Amino acid sequence: MAMKTRRSSIGLVDGRNSVQNFNTRFSLQSFVRRVEKLSDNQKTAIKRVGFGHLIQMPYQSLSRNLLAELMDRWNCEKRAFLLVPGEITITLMDVFVILGLRVTGDPVILKESEPFSELERYYGAAVWNRKIPIAAIEERLDSLGEIANDDFIRSFLLFIFGTVLFPNANGKVDSRYLSLLQDLDKVCHRAWGAAVLENVVDWLCKRRETNAQYVGGCLIFLQIWSYEHIDIGRPSLLDSPMTFPRACRWGSIRSHQRQWFTSKFKELRQNQIVWKLQLTSEELKMDTIKELLEAQSDAKELAAQRSNVSIEKADNVRTRLQIMDQWIAEMGNESKTDGVREVHEIEEDSSKLLPMSPTENEDILFTSHNESKVQGVNMEQPWTISDSSSLIIISDDEDEDKLRAREQNMKLRKENGDLRKENQLLRNQLLSSSTLEKDLRNEVDNLRRENQLSNSLVARLERLVFAEDVNATEGPSSAYDGNGNSVLTHDLPDALLDCYEILDFGTDL
């Protein structure tokens, strides 16, 4: 945890924005009492899913005055506490060493789109109210007694979430946590500690932005974090061999008025702050600590690579960009516009590919594209133009990796253009198919209507032919088919003759 630049105004409290007293449903006392009732088998079951360190934590009273003063110095934008000596943040390392919860692994995410499950229904939630009261969970735990089955593990973890790790304002637990507890073998692989940190930060920001009277989150973590980093109101260490997690080693804090903490924070000095926790030999042997230290080392190495770019390299980048701008300015044909767009895209890619220090970015990488006059350009700088749509600048000190990366980038750009063309072609074909489909549908409708008309006429003809009341006394009459042949109709009625002519029969009736 690095100390930031000191500012004279940091840590001075604005009375208009100060955080007043707050309420919370965080209840370490209820949690400790419940842990005391657990059997050995139940404690073993909780350890198996990754919460064994948490149930070792002794009872401690919350110092609301200390927490309120600390909240008053939280900055949401910086995600840090602004103290007189400087800024200090809360890290994943803090969470692990204080609570002993895993901070790496599968994320803890409650999805709004998570389907309602039978497991939620079993624990008393409903589709329209996906909340489980803490009181109902406690009743379930009481009914289970000393049983250490899956039902107990899920119930006890829900109780932990609602009272210690993620308490909220309504005294209920979100039933969607059960989706993360369905497979208990995967519970120990989730980053519960990282979720605790995000939840605490969210409540700190909500408190500062809205001055809400209720504060949720794991407040005992925030209080012990203050003990570890800030020497204000810090209690004495317990005389106990247990040193991990660090929440187990602190005694109870003495009660002080809010004004006492306010004055102490205003008088805070550099030597009263522990900017970065010193890890014990026991902690250094833990796998999670090793993972975090390795990640920090990788981050520092990457930052060092970005900040160790030489001036010569920076000048060379400027020269190459200036050459491109000059080349663009001299293009006078119709393809000038496309060439400018392509080269400008290459400039942006170059600024992403070449590592630069943050202080040099603005002056070096974002050279104006409209610059038409180049001063001090080394025209002997080797540069080549490959095909009609790509420009690749090659410098003497540019290594093969960067060149390959840029060539690969141009290749991907070309493939992307081909895919766009293919997509447009498919879209045109789809539109054409839609038009053809519409024409075919219209033709089918016309044929269907003609078929219905024909069926109607045939039905009329059949009724007239087989009618029993045909007048057989009158003389025969003739009709003609479509070929001009005379056809004997046996004095069929006029309507029948009409049907005959329409259907254009070619055989004798």
Protein backbone atom coordinates (compact mmCIF):
# COMPACT_ATOMS: atom_id res chain seq x y z
CA MET A 1 0.00 0.00 0.00
CA ALA A 2 1.80 3.06 -1.25
CA MET A 3 1.62 6.48 0.35
CA LYS A 4 0.35 9.15 -2.00
CA THR A 5 1.49 12.74 -2.35
CA ARG A 6 0.68 14.83 0.70
CA ARG A 7 -1.78 17.66 0.36
CA SER A 8 -2.44 20.35 2.88
CA SER A 9 -6.21 20.00 2.56
CA ILE A 10 -6.33 16.22 2.88
CA GLY A 11 -7.97 15.00 6.04
CA LEU A 12 -9.62 18.30 6.93
CA VAL A 13 -13.26 17.63 7.63
CA ASP A 14 -15.94 19.74 6.02
CA GLY A 15 -18.63 20.05 8.65
CA ARG A 16 -21.34 20.30 6.03
CA ASN A 17 -20.47 16.87 4.60
CA SER A 18 -19.44 15.09 7.79
CA VAL A 19 -20.96 11.70 8.53
CA GLN A 20 -23.22 11.65 11.57
CA ASN A 21 -24.18 8.67 13.71
CA PHE A 22 -25.40 5.62 11.86
CA ASN A 23 -27.40 2.44 12.36
CA THR A 24 -26.49 -1.07 11.27
CA ARG A 25 -27.74 -4.64 11.42
CA PHE A 26 -24.21 -5.97 11.64
CA SER A 27 -24.22 -8.32 14.63
CA LEU A 28 -20.96 -9.94 15.63
CA GLN A 29 -22.49 -10.84 18.99
CA SER A 30 -25.23 -12.98 17.37
CA PHE A 31 -22.64 -14.64 15.21
CA VAL A 32 -20.29 -15.49 18.11
CA ARG A 33 -23.17 -16.88 20.15
CA ARG A 34 -24.24 -19.08 17.26
CA VAL A 35 -20.68 -20.34 16.76
CA GLU A 36 -20.52 -21.31 20.44
CA LYS A 37 -23.46 -23.68 19.87
CA LEU A 38 -21.77 -25.56 17.03
CA SER A 39 -20.65 -29.14 17.50
CA ASP A 40 -17.18 -30.27 16.48
CA ASN A 41 -18.58 -31.94 13.37
CA GLN A 42 -20.39 -28.76 12.39
CA LYS A 43 -17.22 -26.67 12.84
CA THR A 44 -15.34 -29.16 10.66
CA ALA A 45 -18.01 -28.87 7.98
CA ILE A 46 -17.72 -25.05 7.99
CA LYS A 47 -13.93 -25.26 7.75
CA ARG A 48 -14.27 -27.58 4.76
CA VAL A 49 -16.09 -24.90 2.74
CA GLY A 50 -13.50 -22.20 3.52
CA PHE A 51 -14.95 -20.29 6.50
CA GLY A 52 -12.97 -21.97 9.27
CA HIS A 53 -10.89 -18.90 10.13
CA LEU A 54 -13.97 -16.72 10.44
CA ILE A 55 -15.59 -18.84 13.16
CA GLN A 56 -12.45 -18.39 15.33
CA MET A 57 -13.09 -14.64 15.66
CA PRO A 58 -13.90 -13.52 19.23
CA TYR A 59 -16.56 -11.00 20.15
CA GLN A 60 -15.64 -7.33 19.84
CA SER A 61 -17.85 -4.30 20.28
CA LEU A 62 -18.13 -1.82 17.45
CA SER A 63 -16.76 1.69 17.98
CA ARG A 64 -19.32 3.69 16.05
CA ASN A 65 -17.53 6.97 16.73
CA LEU A 66 -14.29 5.62 15.25
CA LEU A 67 -16.09 4.16 12.24
CA ALA A 68 -18.08 7.35 11.65
CA GLU A 69 -14.89 9.44 11.71
CA LEU A 70 -13.22 7.01 9.32
CA MET A 71 -16.22 7.06 6.96
CA ASP A 72 -16.05 10.84 6.99
CA ARG A 73 -12.65 10.65 5.29
CA TRP A 74 -13.59 8.22 2.54
CA ASN A 75 -13.25 9.48 -1.05
CA CYS A 76 -15.47 7.61 -3.51
CA GLU A 77 -13.57 8.70 -6.61
CA LYS A 78 -10.17 7.67 -5.27
CA ARG A 79 -11.56 4.66 -3.35
CA ALA A 80 -9.30 5.65 -0.48
CA PHE A 81 -9.28 7.39 2.88
CA LEU A 82 -7.92 10.93 2.67
CA LEU A 83 -5.86 11.52 5.80
CA VAL A 84 -3.59 14.43 6.71
CA PRO A 85 -0.34 12.57 5.88
CA GLY A 86 -1.73 11.12 2.61
CA GLU A 87 -4.12 8.66 0.98
CA ILE A 88 -4.46 5.06 2.07
CA THR A 89 -6.52 2.32 0.44
CA ILE A 90 -8.01 -1.01 1.47
CA THR A 91 -6.50 -4.00 -0.34
CA LEU A 92 -7.25 -7.67 -0.87
CA MET A 93 -4.21 -8.44 1.25
CA ASP A 94 -5.88 -6.59 4.13
CA VAL A 95 -9.03 -8.67 3.77
CA PHE A 96 -7.16 -11.96 3.76
CA VAL A 97 -4.90 -11.32 6.74
CA ILE A 98 -7.74 -9.80 8.82
CA LEU A 99 -10.61 -12.20 8.06
CA GLY A 100 -8.82 -15.21 6.59
CA LEU A 101 -11.25 -15.38 3.65
CA ARG A 102 -10.15 -16.35 0.17
CA VAL A 103 -9.69 -13.31 -2.09
CA THR A 104 -8.73 -15.10 -5.31
CA GLY A 105 -10.67 -17.63 -7.34
CA ASP A 106 -14.18 -17.73 -8.77
CA PRO A 107 -16.02 -14.41 -8.39
CA VAL A 108 -19.08 -13.99 -6.17
CA ILE A 109 -21.79 -12.55 -8.43
CA LEU A 110 -25.54 -12.33 -7.80
CA LYS A 111 -27.15 -12.15 -11.24
CA GLU A 112 -30.43 -10.32 -11.71
CA SER A 113 -31.29 -12.86 -14.40
CA GLU A 114 -30.63 -15.85 -12.13
CA PRO A 115 -33.65 -18.19 -12.50
CA PHE A 116 -35.64 -18.88 -9.38
CA SER A 117 -34.65 -22.32 -8.09
CA GLU A 118 -36.33 -25.02 -6.07
CA LEU A 119 -33.55 -24.60 -3.51
CA GLU A 120 -34.69 -21.02 -2.94
CA ARG A 121 -38.27 -22.18 -2.54
CA TYR A 122 -37.10 -24.83 -0.06
CA TYR A 123 -35.51 -22.13 2.12
CA GLY A 124 -38.63 -19.97 2.14
CA ALA A 125 -38.05 -17.49 -0.69
CA ALA A 126 -40.60 -16.68 -3.38
CA VAL A 127 -40.37 -15.59 -7.01
CA TRP A 128 -41.74 -12.14 -6.13
CA ASN A 129 -39.67 -11.85 -2.92
CA ARG A 130 -36.24 -13.43 -3.15
CA LYS A 131 -35.34 -12.70 0.46
CA ILE A 132 -34.93 -15.00 3.46
CA PRO A 133 -35.39 -13.52 6.96
CA ILE A 134 -32.47 -14.04 9.35
CA ALA A 135 -34.98 -15.12 11.99
CA ALA A 136 -36.18 -17.95 9.74
CA ILE A 137 -32.59 -19.09 9.18
CA GLU A 138 -31.94 -19.13 12.92
CA GLU A 139 -35.07 -21.24 13.47
CA ARG A 140 -33.85 -23.70 10.87
CA LEU A 141 -30.44 -23.93 12.55
CA ASP A 142 -32.11 -24.54 15.91
CA SER A 143 -34.23 -27.33 14.44
CA LEU A 144 -31.14 -29.03 12.95
CA GLY A 145 -29.45 -29.29 16.34
CA GLU A 146 -26.01 -30.91 15.96
CA ILE A 147 -26.64 -32.30 12.48
CA ALA A 148 -23.79 -31.41 10.10
CA ASN A 149 -25.38 -32.12 6.72
CA ASP A 150 -25.60 -29.97 3.57
CA ASP A 151 -28.73 -28.26 4.87
CA PHE A 152 -26.81 -27.12 7.95
CA ILE A 153 -23.87 -25.82 5.88
CA ARG A 154 -26.12 -23.76 3.58
CA SER A 155 -28.17 -22.45 6.50
CA PHE A 156 -25.11 -21.44 8.52
CA LEU A 157 -23.47 -19.72 5.54
CA LEU A 158 -26.67 -17.77 4.88
CA PHE A 159 -26.59 -16.76 8.55
CA ILE A 160 -22.95 -15.57 8.15
CA PHE A 161 -23.87 -13.56 5.06
CA GLY A 162 -26.82 -11.86 6.76
CA THR A 163 -25.17 -11.00 10.09
CA VAL A 164 -21.43 -10.52 9.49
CA LEU A 165 -20.24 -10.42 5.88
CA PHE A 166 -23.06 -8.82 3.85
CA PRO A 167 -25.68 -7.46 6.30
CA ASN A 168 -28.21 -5.04 4.82
CA ALA A 169 -30.98 -2.80 6.07
CA ASN A 170 -33.93 -5.22 6.03
CA GLY A 171 -32.59 -8.05 8.17
CA LYS A 172 -32.89 -10.53 5.31
CA VAL A 173 -30.53 -12.47 3.04
CA ASP A 174 -30.73 -12.50 -0.74
CA SER A 175 -31.85 -16.00 -1.72
CA ARG A 176 -29.73 -15.85 -4.88
CA TYR A 177 -26.73 -16.70 -2.69
CA LEU A 178 -28.11 -20.25 -2.78
CA SER A 179 -27.14 -20.49 -6.44
CA LEU A 180 -23.53 -20.17 -5.25
CA LEU A 181 -24.10 -22.74 -2.49
CA GLN A 182 -25.78 -25.40 -4.59
CA ASP A 183 -22.51 -27.25 -5.20
CA LEU A 184 -20.82 -27.12 -1.80
CA ASP A 185 -17.57 -28.53 -3.19
CA LYS A 186 -17.08 -25.29 -5.15
CA VAL A 187 -17.79 -22.91 -2.26
CA CYS A 188 -14.21 -22.95 -0.96
CA HIS A 189 -12.91 -21.89 -4.39
CA ARG A 190 -14.85 -18.62 -4.51
CA ALA A 191 -13.35 -15.21 -3.69
CA TRP A 192 -15.61 -14.38 -0.74
CA GLY A 193 -13.05 -11.96 0.69
CA ALA A 194 -13.01 -9.92 -2.52
CA ALA A 195 -16.82 -9.75 -2.37
CA VAL A 196 -16.61 -8.47 1.22
CA LEU A 197 -14.23 -5.70 0.14
CA GLU A 198 -16.47 -4.58 -2.73
CA ASN A 199 -19.50 -4.63 -0.46
CA VAL A 200 -17.73 -2.47 2.16
CA VAL A 201 -16.62 0.01 -0.52
CA ASP A 202 -20.16 0.21 -1.88
CA TRP A 203 -21.54 1.05 1.57
CA LEU A 204 -18.81 3.63 2.20
CA CYS A 205 -19.64 5.36 -1.09
CA LYS A 206 -23.37 5.21 -0.41
CA ARG A 207 -22.84 6.71 3.03
CA ARG A 208 -20.69 9.58 1.73
CA GLU A 209 -22.88 10.35 -1.28
CA THR A 210 -26.31 10.13 0.34
CA ASN A 211 -25.49 10.50 4.06
CA ALA A 212 -27.68 7.44 4.63
CA GLN A 213 -28.49 6.65 8.24
CA TYR A 214 -27.98 2.92 7.72
CA VAL A 215 -24.60 1.35 6.94
CA GLY A 216 -24.23 -2.30 6.00
CA GLY A 217 -21.22 -4.41 5.17
CA CYS A 218 -18.62 -6.12 7.34
CA LEU A 219 -17.97 -3.29 9.79
CA ILE A 220 -15.75 -5.36 12.10
CA PHE A 221 -13.36 -5.74 9.18
CA LEU A 222 -13.28 -1.96 8.69
CA GLN A 223 -12.66 -1.43 12.40
CA ILE A 224 -9.80 -3.94 12.61
CA TRP A 225 -8.36 -2.51 9.39
CA SER A 226 -8.17 0.81 11.25
CA TYR A 227 -6.37 -0.90 14.16
CA GLU A 228 -3.82 -2.40 11.77
CA HIS A 229 -3.09 0.78 9.81
CA ILE A 230 -3.91 3.79 11.99
CA ASP A 231 -2.77 4.33 15.56
CA ILE A 232 -5.89 6.05 16.86
CA GLY A 233 -7.90 4.39 19.62
CA ARG A 234 -6.02 1.17 18.93
CA PRO A 235 -6.65 -1.47 21.68
CA SER A 236 -4.02 -3.78 23.05
CA LEU A 237 -3.18 -7.16 21.54
CA LEU A 238 -4.60 -10.25 23.18
CA ASP A 239 -2.29 -12.58 25.01
CA SER A 240 -3.05 -15.52 22.73
CA PRO A 241 -0.97 -17.83 20.54
CA MET A 242 -3.50 -17.35 17.74
CA THR A 243 -2.18 -14.74 15.33
CA PHE A 244 -4.19 -15.57 12.18
CA PRO A 245 -6.49 -14.21 11.13
CA ARG A 246 -5.61 -10.86 12.63
CA ALA A 247 -9.18 -10.26 13.71
CA CYS A 248 -8.43 -12.80 16.49
CA ARG A 249 -5.55 -10.92 18.05
CA TRP A 250 -7.11 -7.59 19.03
CA GLY A 251 -8.83 -6.77 22.29
CA SER A 252 -11.85 -4.52 22.79
CA ILE A 253 -11.54 -0.82 22.09
CA ARG A 254 -12.02 1.82 24.78
CA SER A 255 -15.01 4.08 24.45
CA HIS A 256 -14.35 7.66 23.31
CA GLN A 257 -16.51 10.58 22.29
CA ARG A 258 -16.80 11.53 18.63
CA GLN A 259 -14.94 14.79 19.23
CA TRP A 260 -11.97 12.88 20.61
CA PHE A 261 -11.61 10.88 17.38
CA THR A 262 -12.12 14.04 15.30
CA SER A 263 -9.23 15.82 16.97
CA LYS A 264 -7.00 12.76 16.78
CA PHE A 265 -7.55 12.38 13.04
CA LYS A 266 -6.78 16.08 12.52
CA GLU A 267 -3.52 15.67 14.42
CA LEU A 268 -2.57 12.44 12.67
CA ARG A 269 1.13 12.16 11.83
CA GLN A 270 3.15 10.12 9.39
CA ASN A 271 4.54 7.77 12.04
CA GLN A 272 1.01 6.85 13.17
CA ILE A 273 0.17 5.17 9.88
CA VAL A 274 1.21 1.73 8.66
CA TRP A 275 1.01 2.17 4.90
CA LYS A 276 1.73 -1.47 4.12
CA LEU A 277 1.23 -4.39 6.51
CA GLN A 278 4.29 -6.40 7.42
CA LEU A 279 3.52 -10.08 6.89
CA THR A 280 4.51 -12.63 9.50
CA SER A 281 6.51 -15.76 8.71
CA GLU A 282 3.34 -17.81 9.16
CA GLU A 283 1.43 -15.65 6.69
CA LEU A 284 4.21 -15.76 4.09
CA LYS A 285 3.84 -19.55 3.89
CA MET A 286 0.17 -19.38 2.90
CA ASP A 287 -0.77 -20.06 -0.72
CA THR A 288 -3.11 -17.07 -0.99
CA ILE A 289 -0.36 -14.73 0.23
CA LYS A 290 2.03 -16.18 -2.34
CA GLU A 291 -0.55 -15.63 -5.11
CA LEU A 292 -1.11 -12.01 -4.08
CA LEU A 293 2.61 -11.26 -3.80
CA GLU A 294 3.23 -12.80 -7.20
CA ALA A 295 0.44 -10.69 -8.72
CA GLN A 296 1.89 -7.54 -7.11
CA SER A 297 5.34 -8.40 -8.46
CA ASP A 298 3.96 -8.84 -11.97
CA ALA A 299 2.16 -5.50 -11.75
CA LYS A 300 5.31 -3.70 -10.59
CA GLU A 301 7.38 -5.28 -13.35
CA LEU A 302 4.85 -4.20 -15.97
CA ALA A 303 4.82 -0.66 -14.58
CA ALA A 304 8.63 -0.57 -14.64
CA GLN A 305 8.69 -1.66 -18.26
CA ARG A 306 6.31 1.13 -19.17
CA SER A 307 8.31 3.79 -17.33
CA ASN A 308 11.81 2.75 -18.53
CA VAL A 309 11.43 3.82 -22.16
CA SER A 310 14.49 5.76 -23.32
CA ILE A 311 14.45 9.28 -24.75
CA GLU A 312 15.93 7.94 -27.99
CA LYS A 313 13.01 5.59 -28.40
CA ALA A 314 10.57 8.42 -27.72
CA ASP A 315 12.28 10.69 -30.28
CA ASN A 316 12.21 7.87 -32.78
CA VAL A 317 8.48 7.42 -32.30
CA ARG A 318 7.93 11.13 -32.87
CA THR A 319 10.05 11.02 -36.01
CA ARG A 320 8.10 8.12 -37.44
CA LEU A 321 4.79 9.83 -36.76
CA GLN A 322 6.03 13.03 -38.37
CA ILE A 323 7.15 11.11 -41.45
CA MET A 324 3.68 9.63 -41.75
CA ASP A 325 2.11 13.08 -41.45
CA GLN A 326 4.43 14.47 -44.11
CA TRP A 327 3.69 11.56 -46.41
CA ILE A 328 -0.05 12.17 -45.94
CA ALA A 329 0.32 15.89 -46.70
CA GLU A 330 2.03 15.14 -50.03
CA MET A 331 -0.68 12.79 -51.27
CA GLY A 332 -2.70 14.63 -53.95
CA ASN A 333 -4.84 11.98 -55.61
CA GLU A 334 -8.36 10.77 -54.88
CA SER A 335 -7.16 8.07 -52.49
CA LYS A 336 -5.76 10.67 -50.11
CA THR A 337 -8.73 10.52 -47.75
CA ASP A 338 -8.60 6.74 -47.39
CA GLY A 339 -4.83 6.85 -46.90
CA VAL A 340 -5.13 9.44 -44.15
CA ARG A 341 -7.70 7.34 -42.31
CA GLU A 342 -5.57 4.21 -42.59
CA VAL A 343 -2.38 5.90 -41.41
CA HIS A 344 -4.12 7.58 -38.50
CA GLU A 345 -5.40 4.20 -37.38
CA ILE A 346 -1.84 2.89 -37.55
CA GLU A 347 -0.71 5.80 -35.37
CA GLU A 348 -3.27 4.87 -32.74
CA ASP A 349 -2.14 1.24 -32.87
CA SER A 350 1.47 2.36 -32.51
CA SER A 351 0.60 4.28 -29.35
CA LYS A 352 -0.94 1.11 -27.89
CA LEU A 353 1.87 -1.23 -28.91
CA LEU A 354 4.84 0.81 -27.69
CA PRO A 355 5.15 1.08 -23.88
CA MET A 356 5.47 4.69 -22.74
CA SER A 357 5.63 6.35 -19.39
CA PRO A 358 2.46 8.19 -18.32
CA THR A 359 4.17 11.58 -18.35
CA GLU A 360 5.36 11.18 -21.95
CA ASN A 361 2.11 9.99 -23.48
CA GLU A 362 0.61 13.38 -24.22
CA ASP A 363 3.72 14.91 -25.78
CA ILE A 364 4.93 11.88 -27.71
CA LEU A 365 2.07 9.62 -28.68
CA PHE A 366 -0.64 12.14 -29.47
CA THR A 367 1.12 14.25 -32.08
CA SER A 368 -1.34 16.33 -34.09
CA HIS A 369 -2.49 14.64 -37.28
CA ASN A 370 -2.92 18.04 -38.94
CA GLU A 371 0.75 19.00 -38.66
CA SER A 372 1.92 19.78 -42.19
CA LYS A 373 5.40 21.16 -41.54
CA VAL A 374 8.05 18.86 -40.09
CA GLN A 375 11.10 20.26 -38.37
CA GLY A 376 14.25 18.24 -37.75
CA VAL A 377 12.99 15.12 -39.50
CA ASN A 378 15.70 12.63 -40.34
CA MET A 379 14.78 11.73 -43.89
CA GLU A 380 17.39 8.97 -43.89
CA GLN A 381 15.14 7.11 -41.47
CA PRO A 382 14.28 3.89 -43.34
CA TRP A 383 10.59 3.51 -44.09
CA THR A 384 8.64 1.42 -46.59
CA ILE A 385 5.16 1.30 -48.04
CA SER A 386 3.61 -2.14 -48.45
CA ASP A 387 0.66 -2.49 -50.86
CA SER A 388 -1.86 0.26 -51.56
CA SER A 389 -3.76 0.23 -48.28
CA SER A 390 -1.14 -0.38 -45.61
CA LEU A 391 1.73 1.69 -44.28
CA ILE A 392 4.43 0.18 -42.08
CA ILE A 393 7.23 2.31 -40.68
CA ILE A 394 10.41 0.39 -39.82
CA SER A 395 13.05 2.00 -37.62
CA ASP A 396 16.61 0.93 -36.94
CA ASP A 397 16.00 0.11 -33.30
CA GLU A 398 12.60 -1.51 -33.70
CA ASP A 399 12.87 -5.13 -32.68
CA GLU A 400 11.30 -8.02 -34.54
CA ASP A 401 8.59 -8.58 -31.92
CA LYS A 402 7.11 -5.12 -32.39
CA LEU A 403 7.36 -5.43 -36.16
CA ARG A 404 5.61 -8.78 -36.11
CA ALA A 405 2.95 -7.37 -33.84
CA ARG A 406 2.28 -4.49 -36.21
CA GLU A 407 2.26 -6.74 -39.26
CA GLN A 408 -0.17 -9.01 -37.45
CA ASN A 409 -2.30 -5.97 -36.66
CA MET A 410 -2.42 -4.98 -40.33
CA LYS A 411 -3.29 -8.55 -41.27
CA LEU A 412 -6.13 -8.61 -38.75
CA ARG A 413 -7.32 -5.24 -40.06
CA LYS A 414 -7.45 -6.66 -43.60
CA GLU A 415 -9.29 -9.75 -42.41
CA ASN A 416 -11.74 -7.53 -40.58
CA GLY A 417 -12.40 -5.60 -43.79
CA ASP A 418 -12.99 -8.85 -45.70
CA LEU A 419 -15.40 -10.01 -43.02
CA ARG A 420 -17.27 -6.71 -43.24
CA LYS A 421 -17.65 -7.14 -47.00
CA GLU A 422 -18.82 -10.71 -46.59
CA ASN A 423 -21.29 -9.61 -43.94
CA GLN A 424 -22.69 -6.93 -46.28
CA LEU A 425 -23.02 -9.50 -49.07
CA LEU A 426 -24.90 -11.87 -46.78
CA ARG A 427 -27.12 -9.02 -45.66
CA ASN A 428 -27.96 -8.17 -49.28
CA GLN A 429 -28.71 -11.81 -49.96
CA LEU A 430 -30.92 -11.93 -46.92
CA LEU A 431 -32.85 -8.85 -48.10
CA SER A 432 -33.18 -10.40 -51.56
CA SER A 433 -34.40 -13.65 -50.04
CA SER A 434 -36.95 -11.73 -48.00
CA THR A 435 -38.30 -10.05 -51.17
CA LEU A 436 -38.45 -13.40 -53.01
CA GLU A 437 -40.20 -14.99 -50.08
CA LYS A 438 -42.79 -12.22 -50.12
CA ASP A 439 -43.45 -12.72 -53.86
CA LEU A 440 -43.78 -16.48 -53.38
CA ARG A 441 -46.23 -15.95 -50.53
CA ASN A 442 -48.36 -13.67 -52.74
CA GLU A 443 -48.36 -16.24 -55.54
CA VAL A 444 -49.34 -19.02 -53.15
CA ASP A 445 -52.21 -16.85 -51.84
CA ASN A 446 -53.45 -16.26 -55.38
CA LEU A 447 -53.33 -19.96 -56.19
CA ARG A 448 -55.12 -20.74 -52.96
CA ARG A 449 -57.91 -18.30 -53.84
CA GLU A 450 -58.26 -19.78 -57.34
CA ASN A 451 -58.40 -23.26 -55.87
CA GLN A 452 -61.13 -22.24 -53.48
CA LEU A 453 -63.13 -20.77 -56.35
CA SER A 454 -62.74 -23.96 -58.39
CA ASN A 455 -63.81 -26.11 -55.46
CA SER A 456 -66.89 -23.96 -55.00
CA LEU A 457 -67.89 -24.30 -58.63
CA VAL A 458 -67.33 -28.05 -58.63
CA ALA A 459 -69.51 -28.40 -55.56
CA ARG A 460 -72.30 -26.46 -57.26
CA LEU A 461 -72.00 -28.61 -60.34
CA GLU A 462 -72.20 -31.84 -58.35
CA ARG A 463 -75.31 -30.69 -56.54
CA LEU A 464 -77.05 -29.82 -59.81
CA VAL A 465 -76.02 -33.02 -61.60
CA PHE A 466 -77.29 -35.33 -58.89
CA ALA A 467 -80.35 -33.28 -57.96
CA GLU A 468 -83.48 -35.37 -57.86
CA ASP A 469 -85.75 -32.61 -59.12
CA VAL A 470 -84.17 -32.23 -62.57
CA ASN A 471 -86.91 -31.59 -65.10
CA ALA A 472 -86.65 -34.51 -67.57
CA THR A 473 -89.79 -33.67 -69.61
CA GLU A 474 -88.33 -30.85 -71.67
CA GLY A 475 -86.42 -31.41 -74.89
CA PRO A 476 -82.69 -31.81 -75.01
CA SER A 477 -80.53 -28.82 -75.48
CA SER A 478 -76.90 -28.47 -76.54
CA ALA A 479 -73.86 -26.79 -75.21
CA TYR A 480 -70.39 -26.47 -76.59
CA ASP A 481 -67.09 -27.37 -75.03
CA GLY A 482 -63.90 -25.42 -75.42
CA ASN A 483 -63.14 -27.09 -78.78
CA GLY A 484 -66.39 -26.12 -80.42
CA ASN A 485 -67.97 -29.58 -80.14
CA SER A 486 -71.59 -29.93 -79.32
CA VAL A 487 -72.31 -31.56 -76.00
CA LEU A 488 -75.66 -32.98 -74.92
CA THR A 489 -76.78 -31.45 -71.66
CA HIS A 490 -80.20 -33.05 -71.20
CA ASP A 491 -81.84 -29.76 -70.38
CA LEU A 492 -79.53 -28.84 -67.52
CA PRO A 493 -80.47 -25.61 -65.76
CA ASP A 494 -78.87 -22.35 -66.82
CA ALA A 495 -76.68 -22.20 -63.68
CA LEU A 496 -75.31 -25.64 -64.53
CA LEU A 497 -74.53 -24.55 -68.05
CA ASP A 498 -72.65 -21.56 -66.69
CA CYS A 499 -70.57 -23.79 -64.47
CA TYR A 500 -69.89 -26.10 -67.36
CA GLU A 501 -68.62 -23.31 -69.53
CA ILE A 502 -66.43 -21.89 -66.81
CA LEU A 503 -64.83 -25.22 -66.03
CA ASP A 504 -64.46 -25.88 -69.73
CA PHE A 505 -65.16 -29.63 -69.62
CA GLY A 506 -63.85 -31.56 -72.63
CA THR A 507 -65.84 -34.80 -72.20
CA ASP A 508 -69.49 -35.68 -72.48
CA LEU A 509 -71.61 -35.55 -69.38
